[in-house]
Structure formats: C-alpha cells, structure tokens
C-alpha cells in the first residue's frame, strides 16, 4: 500500500509539474501571437473601406500604421484621443481597439469647429465604441485609472493657448491612466532651447521644443520610454507654421515620443 501511495503522490506531483510547465509555455506564446494580432488589427483599421478619401489622403504624411504600432494600441484597450478635433485618429483608434475596447474623443467644449467635425464623424452611430468627451482641458474629469493609453497628435503645442495651467492638465491625464498605460505625443518641432515660446501664440508657429515636452511630462510623473524618427524631416528649419504659404507641399519636422505611467 505504501508503494501505491507513493506512486500516486509521484504521479500527482508529476501532473502538477506538467501543468505548471504548460502554463509557463502558454504565457510566452501569446506574446508573439498577440503582437501579430495587434498589428493585424491596426492594418485592418487603416485599410478599412469605410474611411473617407479625405482621411486616407493624410496617411502618407502621418503614417498611422507605424505610429499606432509604436504606441502599442491593441484590441480591447481603452484609449483617450486628447483634443481629437475632427477625430481622424479617434476613428483609427476605435477600429483598432474594436468592440471590446473604447475610445474617448476629447475636445474642448468651446471648440466650435471641432464640434461640427466630431458630430459628422460619429453620425448614425458609425463608431459605436467612441464616447464624445467635450470638456475644457482643465476640466477633463476623467474616470480614475481608466485608460490604457492616450494619443496627443499634433496638439500638445495647442495646450499652451487653451490652458493657463498645462501642468494641471498633465496631472489630470496621469490620474486617468492605468499604471503601465502609454501616452504618445506627436508634434511639430520648434528650434532646440525655445521651450514653449513657439506655442503660446495661436497665430504663431504652432510648434514646441521637444526637450521641453520631455521635461513637462517627466514633471507630471511620466517616464520617457521610446522615441521615433518616423516623421522627421531634417530639411525643415523648424521656424514656420505648417500652414504658412511657404510650407505648402513641405513636411514639418515632427518628433514622436512614447511615455509610460509607471506600474
């Protein structure tokens, strides 16, 4: 009987060990699978036939597949698109995160032009997983620790004309993100060392110093995780606004930064 009992115990132990090993194996494999699935979701969003021709015309300059891949957007995530304007990125985010995810399309409540474009984007419930969030930057009132990520596409410089306390805006954003959440900032580069000076005049250059952005987010508690040269243009002198007549047909030099809220 003792032999049978030991044999049984050994069999149970072996079975438990096998289960643990299988469990360990399955925790690694989905990483590869998920990466492929995430990229497939992004590609499907970019290639979705429901996107308008007007939206598609911006793809060559903005490279959304590469930017969203860099961000780490994935199905099921909850993401906020800050100062979304007409929702160009909000739609891509919504189609990537899919029905199990959610996108908050935030615009300042006093941005009249954005309000009309946002309404057109969401007409007839064409993006059912998008929530309109019309709030002033300093009154975001985000649900705490709710979002997996945040997108700030070509808008962070605008914060300095829309808000008298941008540090407060970043504090609110930080509180609304889950630990480990990502934030991607894409913006027009100002000359090095100029801080926010190119951003404070709404009729000015609409640019911001990259180092200043890094310092601002670090002050709010974010960690700079990665940088990308995807949208760099070394021929740009970083002096003029993207809408200046002499910039027609030319691309501004743009930085892309990915920050992370520490876990």
Protein backbone atom coordinates (compact mmCIF):
# COMPACT_ATOMS: atom_id res chain seq x y z
CA UNK A 1 0.00 0.00 0.00
CA UNK A 2 2.83 2.38 0.82
CA UNK A 3 4.30 1.84 -2.62
CA UNK A 4 0.95 2.56 -4.24
CA UNK A 5 0.54 5.70 -2.17
CA UNK A 6 4.00 6.97 -3.12
CA UNK A 7 3.37 6.08 -6.72
CA UNK A 8 0.12 8.02 -6.60
CA UNK A 9 1.81 11.00 -4.93
CA UNK A 10 4.59 10.99 -7.50
CA UNK A 11 2.04 10.83 -10.31
CA UNK A 12 0.15 13.78 -8.85
CA UNK A 13 3.36 15.74 -8.41
CA UNK A 14 4.38 14.98 -11.97
CA UNK A 15 0.98 16.05 -13.20
CA UNK A 16 1.19 19.31 -11.27
CA UNK A 17 4.66 19.96 -12.63
CA UNK A 18 3.48 19.29 -16.17
CA UNK A 19 0.59 21.68 -15.67
CA UNK A 20 2.96 24.37 -14.41
CA UNK A 21 5.26 23.84 -17.37
CA UNK A 22 2.35 24.03 -19.79
CA UNK A 23 1.18 27.17 -18.03
CA UNK A 24 4.63 28.71 -18.35
CA UNK A 25 4.77 27.84 -22.02
CA UNK A 26 1.38 29.36 -22.72
CA UNK A 27 2.32 32.63 -21.00
CA UNK A 28 5.10 33.16 -23.52
CA UNK A 29 3.49 32.04 -26.75
CA UNK A 30 0.61 34.58 -26.79
CA UNK A 31 3.15 37.41 -26.77
CA UNK A 32 4.09 36.57 -30.34
CA UNK A 33 0.51 35.79 -31.27
CA UNK A 34 -0.78 38.99 -29.67
CA UNK A 35 1.84 41.11 -31.44
CA UNK A 36 0.77 39.71 -34.79
CA UNK A 37 -2.90 40.10 -33.88
CA UNK A 38 -2.38 43.69 -32.75
CA UNK A 39 -0.61 44.61 -35.96
CA UNK A 40 -3.34 42.90 -37.98
CA UNK A 41 -5.95 44.96 -36.11
CA UNK A 42 -4.07 48.17 -36.85
CA UNK A 43 -3.69 47.25 -40.53
CA UNK A 44 -7.39 46.44 -40.79
CA UNK A 45 -8.24 49.81 -39.22
CA UNK A 46 -6.02 51.75 -41.62
CA UNK A 47 -7.30 49.80 -44.63
CA UNK A 48 -10.96 49.88 -43.59
CA UNK A 49 -13.06 50.78 -46.66
CA UNK A 50 -15.36 52.97 -44.56
CA UNK A 51 -12.60 55.54 -44.07
CA UNK A 52 -13.15 58.62 -46.20
CA UNK A 53 -10.94 59.61 -49.08
CA UNK A 54 -10.14 62.82 -47.23
CA UNK A 55 -8.85 60.82 -44.26
CA UNK A 56 -6.80 58.48 -46.43
CA UNK A 57 -5.07 61.40 -48.12
CA UNK A 58 -3.27 62.14 -44.84
CA UNK A 59 -1.92 58.62 -44.39
CA UNK A 60 1.27 59.15 -46.39
CA UNK A 61 2.33 62.08 -44.19
CA UNK A 62 1.07 60.76 -40.85
CA UNK A 63 1.96 57.05 -41.26
CA UNK A 64 -0.78 55.85 -38.91
CA UNK A 65 0.07 52.14 -39.10
CA UNK A 66 3.61 52.77 -37.89
CA UNK A 67 2.57 55.31 -35.26
CA UNK A 68 -0.15 53.08 -33.78
CA UNK A 69 2.23 50.13 -33.79
CA UNK A 70 4.82 52.27 -32.00
CA UNK A 71 2.17 53.33 -29.46
CA UNK A 72 1.19 49.75 -28.70
CA UNK A 73 -2.52 50.12 -29.45
CA UNK A 74 -4.31 46.77 -29.16
CA UNK A 75 -7.82 45.32 -29.32
CA UNK A 76 -9.71 45.71 -26.07
CA UNK A 77 -7.85 48.80 -24.88
CA UNK A 78 -9.50 51.96 -23.59
CA UNK A 79 -7.82 54.98 -25.16
CA UNK A 80 -8.37 58.73 -24.99
CA UNK A 81 -7.65 60.93 -28.00
CA UNK A 82 -6.88 64.33 -26.46
CA UNK A 83 -8.04 67.36 -28.48
CA UNK A 84 -9.25 65.00 -31.15
CA UNK A 85 -10.59 67.80 -33.40
CA UNK A 86 -12.43 66.04 -36.23
CA UNK A 87 -11.49 62.60 -34.93
CA UNK A 88 -9.04 61.46 -37.60
CA UNK A 89 -7.08 59.40 -35.09
CA UNK A 90 -10.14 58.63 -32.95
CA UNK A 91 -11.60 56.61 -35.81
CA UNK A 92 -8.39 54.65 -36.36
CA UNK A 93 -8.10 54.01 -32.64
CA UNK A 94 -11.74 52.91 -32.41
CA UNK A 95 -11.38 50.45 -35.27
CA UNK A 96 -8.16 49.06 -33.77
CA UNK A 97 -9.42 48.55 -30.19
CA UNK A 98 -12.61 47.04 -31.60
CA UNK A 99 -15.94 46.30 -29.92
CA UNK A 100 -14.32 45.18 -26.67
CA UNK A 101 -12.40 48.46 -26.42
CA UNK A 102 -13.41 52.08 -26.12
CA UNK A 103 -12.18 55.49 -27.27
CA UNK A 104 -12.87 58.82 -25.63
CA UNK A 105 -12.86 61.56 -28.27
CA UNK A 106 -12.00 64.64 -26.23
CA UNK A 107 -12.38 68.19 -27.49
CA UNK A 108 -12.52 71.46 -25.60
CA UNK A 109 -16.19 72.31 -25.11
CA UNK A 110 -15.62 75.77 -26.61
CA UNK A 111 -14.04 74.46 -29.84
CA UNK A 112 -16.89 75.16 -32.29
CA UNK A 113 -15.14 73.91 -35.43
CA UNK A 114 -14.18 70.66 -33.72
CA UNK A 115 -17.75 70.18 -32.51
CA UNK A 116 -19.18 70.13 -36.04
CA UNK A 117 -16.48 67.81 -37.38
CA UNK A 118 -16.87 65.45 -34.42
CA UNK A 119 -20.62 65.26 -34.94
CA UNK A 120 -20.11 64.35 -38.60
CA UNK A 121 -17.54 61.70 -37.66
CA UNK A 122 -19.93 59.98 -35.25
CA UNK A 123 -23.17 60.44 -37.20
CA UNK A 124 -25.52 57.46 -37.42
CA UNK A 125 -23.57 55.65 -34.69
CA UNK A 126 -20.89 54.64 -37.19
CA UNK A 127 -18.32 54.33 -34.40
CA UNK A 128 -20.33 52.87 -31.51
CA UNK A 129 -17.32 52.39 -29.24
CA UNK A 130 -16.45 56.11 -29.27
CA UNK A 131 -17.53 58.40 -26.43
CA UNK A 132 -17.63 62.14 -27.09
CA UNK A 133 -15.94 63.93 -24.22
CA UNK A 134 -16.42 67.66 -24.70
CA UNK A 135 -14.52 69.11 -21.74
CA UNK A 136 -12.15 72.02 -21.26
CA UNK A 137 -8.56 70.86 -20.81
CA UNK A 138 -8.52 71.89 -17.17
CA UNK A 139 -11.88 70.23 -16.55
CA UNK A 140 -11.27 66.80 -18.07
CA UNK A 141 -12.89 64.95 -15.16
CA UNK A 142 -11.53 61.62 -16.40
CA UNK A 143 -12.53 58.40 -14.65
CA UNK A 144 -9.57 57.48 -12.40
CA UNK A 145 -7.08 54.85 -13.59
CA UNK A 146 -9.36 54.03 -16.52
CA UNK A 147 -7.36 54.32 -19.75
CA UNK A 148 -4.74 52.02 -21.24
CA UNK A 149 -3.36 54.78 -23.43
CA UNK A 150 -3.62 58.36 -24.67
CA UNK A 151 -2.94 59.90 -28.07
CA UNK A 152 -1.86 63.53 -28.49
CA UNK A 153 -1.42 64.01 -32.23
CA UNK A 154 -0.11 67.42 -33.32
CA UNK A 155 -1.96 69.14 -30.47
CA UNK A 156 0.26 69.38 -27.41
CA UNK A 157 1.54 72.78 -28.56
CA UNK A 158 -2.09 73.96 -28.57
CA UNK A 159 -2.37 73.26 -24.85
CA UNK A 160 -0.40 76.46 -24.23
CA UNK A 161 -3.05 78.62 -25.87
CA UNK A 162 -6.00 76.65 -24.49
CA UNK A 163 -4.87 76.45 -20.88
CA UNK A 164 -3.21 78.70 -18.31
CA UNK A 165 -2.04 75.66 -16.35
CA UNK A 166 -0.80 72.85 -18.57
CA UNK A 167 0.87 71.14 -15.61
CA UNK A 168 -2.62 70.67 -14.16
CA UNK A 169 -3.82 69.12 -17.44
CA UNK A 170 -0.99 66.56 -17.36
CA UNK A 171 -1.73 65.81 -13.70
CA UNK A 172 -5.36 65.06 -14.61
CA UNK A 173 -4.29 62.90 -17.55
CA UNK A 174 -1.88 60.98 -15.34
CA UNK A 175 -4.67 60.26 -12.85
CA UNK A 176 -6.96 58.98 -15.61
CA UNK A 177 -4.44 56.43 -16.86
CA UNK A 178 -3.93 52.94 -15.50
CA UNK A 179 -0.49 52.09 -14.11
CA UNK A 180 1.58 50.98 -17.09
CA UNK A 181 -0.51 52.98 -19.59
CA UNK A 182 1.15 54.61 -22.59
CA UNK A 183 0.99 58.18 -23.91
CA UNK A 184 2.14 59.06 -27.42
CA UNK A 185 2.90 62.67 -28.32
CA UNK A 186 3.42 63.66 -31.95
CA UNK A 187 4.16 67.31 -32.62
CA UNK A 188 5.85 69.90 -34.82
CA UNK A 189 9.42 70.52 -33.69
CA UNK A 190 10.47 74.00 -32.64
CA UNK A 191 14.14 75.01 -32.53
CA UNK A 192 16.05 73.46 -29.64
CA UNK A 193 16.04 75.55 -26.49
CA UNK A 194 12.90 77.54 -27.31
CA UNK A 195 10.70 75.84 -24.72
CA UNK A 196 7.04 76.75 -25.19
CA UNK A 197 7.70 80.12 -26.86
CA UNK A 198 6.70 78.88 -30.33
CA UNK A 199 3.44 77.52 -28.92
CA UNK A 200 1.97 80.37 -26.89
CA UNK A 201 0.68 82.49 -29.80
CA UNK A 202 -2.33 80.91 -31.59
CA UNK A 203 -1.34 82.85 -34.71
CA UNK A 204 2.27 81.80 -34.39
CA UNK A 205 4.35 78.82 -35.47
CA UNK A 206 2.34 76.08 -33.74
CA UNK A 207 5.49 74.25 -32.71
CA UNK A 208 7.09 73.21 -29.45
CA UNK A 209 10.57 72.29 -28.25
CA UNK A 210 10.95 68.53 -27.90
CA UNK A 211 13.15 68.74 -24.80
CA UNK A 212 10.59 70.98 -23.12
CA UNK A 213 7.89 68.36 -23.79
CA UNK A 214 10.04 65.64 -22.23
CA UNK A 215 10.64 67.77 -19.16
CA UNK A 216 6.95 68.64 -18.80
CA UNK A 217 5.84 65.01 -18.87
CA UNK A 218 8.63 63.96 -16.52
CA UNK A 219 7.46 66.64 -14.08
CA UNK A 220 3.98 65.07 -14.17
CA UNK A 221 5.41 61.65 -13.28
CA UNK A 222 5.63 60.05 -16.72
CA UNK A 223 8.65 58.08 -17.88
CA UNK A 224 10.00 58.53 -21.40
CA UNK A 225 10.09 55.02 -22.83
CA UNK A 226 10.85 55.42 -26.53
CA UNK A 227 11.35 57.92 -29.35
CA UNK A 228 10.75 57.55 -33.07
CA UNK A 229 12.18 59.25 -36.16
CA UNK A 230 9.28 58.14 -38.37
CA UNK A 231 8.17 61.70 -39.17
CA UNK A 232 11.47 63.52 -39.03
CA UNK A 233 12.40 66.00 -41.76
CA UNK A 234 15.98 67.27 -41.37
CA UNK A 235 15.39 69.82 -44.18
CA UNK A 236 12.82 71.71 -42.09
CA UNK A 237 14.30 74.77 -40.37
CA UNK A 238 11.67 74.49 -37.58
CA UNK A 239 10.71 78.13 -37.90
CA UNK A 240 7.38 78.33 -39.70
CA UNK A 241 3.87 77.07 -39.05
CA UNK A 242 2.70 74.07 -41.05
CA UNK A 243 0.02 76.28 -42.66
CA UNK A 244 2.42 79.05 -43.78
CA UNK A 245 2.26 79.59 -47.59
CA UNK A 246 5.94 78.80 -47.97
CA UNK A 247 5.37 75.42 -46.28
CA UNK A 248 2.90 74.24 -48.89
CA UNK A 249 3.95 70.81 -50.12
CA UNK A 250 6.58 70.52 -47.40
CA UNK A 251 6.54 68.47 -44.22
CA UNK A 252 7.45 69.88 -40.85
CA UNK A 253 9.99 68.08 -38.72
CA UNK A 254 7.95 66.08 -36.20
CA UNK A 255 9.02 64.21 -33.08
CA UNK A 256 7.23 61.16 -31.70
CA UNK A 257 7.59 60.33 -28.02
CA UNK A 258 6.12 57.44 -26.04
CA UNK A 259 5.74 57.97 -22.32
CA UNK A 260 4.62 55.44 -19.75
CA UNK A 261 2.84 55.82 -16.41
CA UNK A 262 4.93 53.71 -14.01
CA UNK A 263 3.33 50.49 -12.76
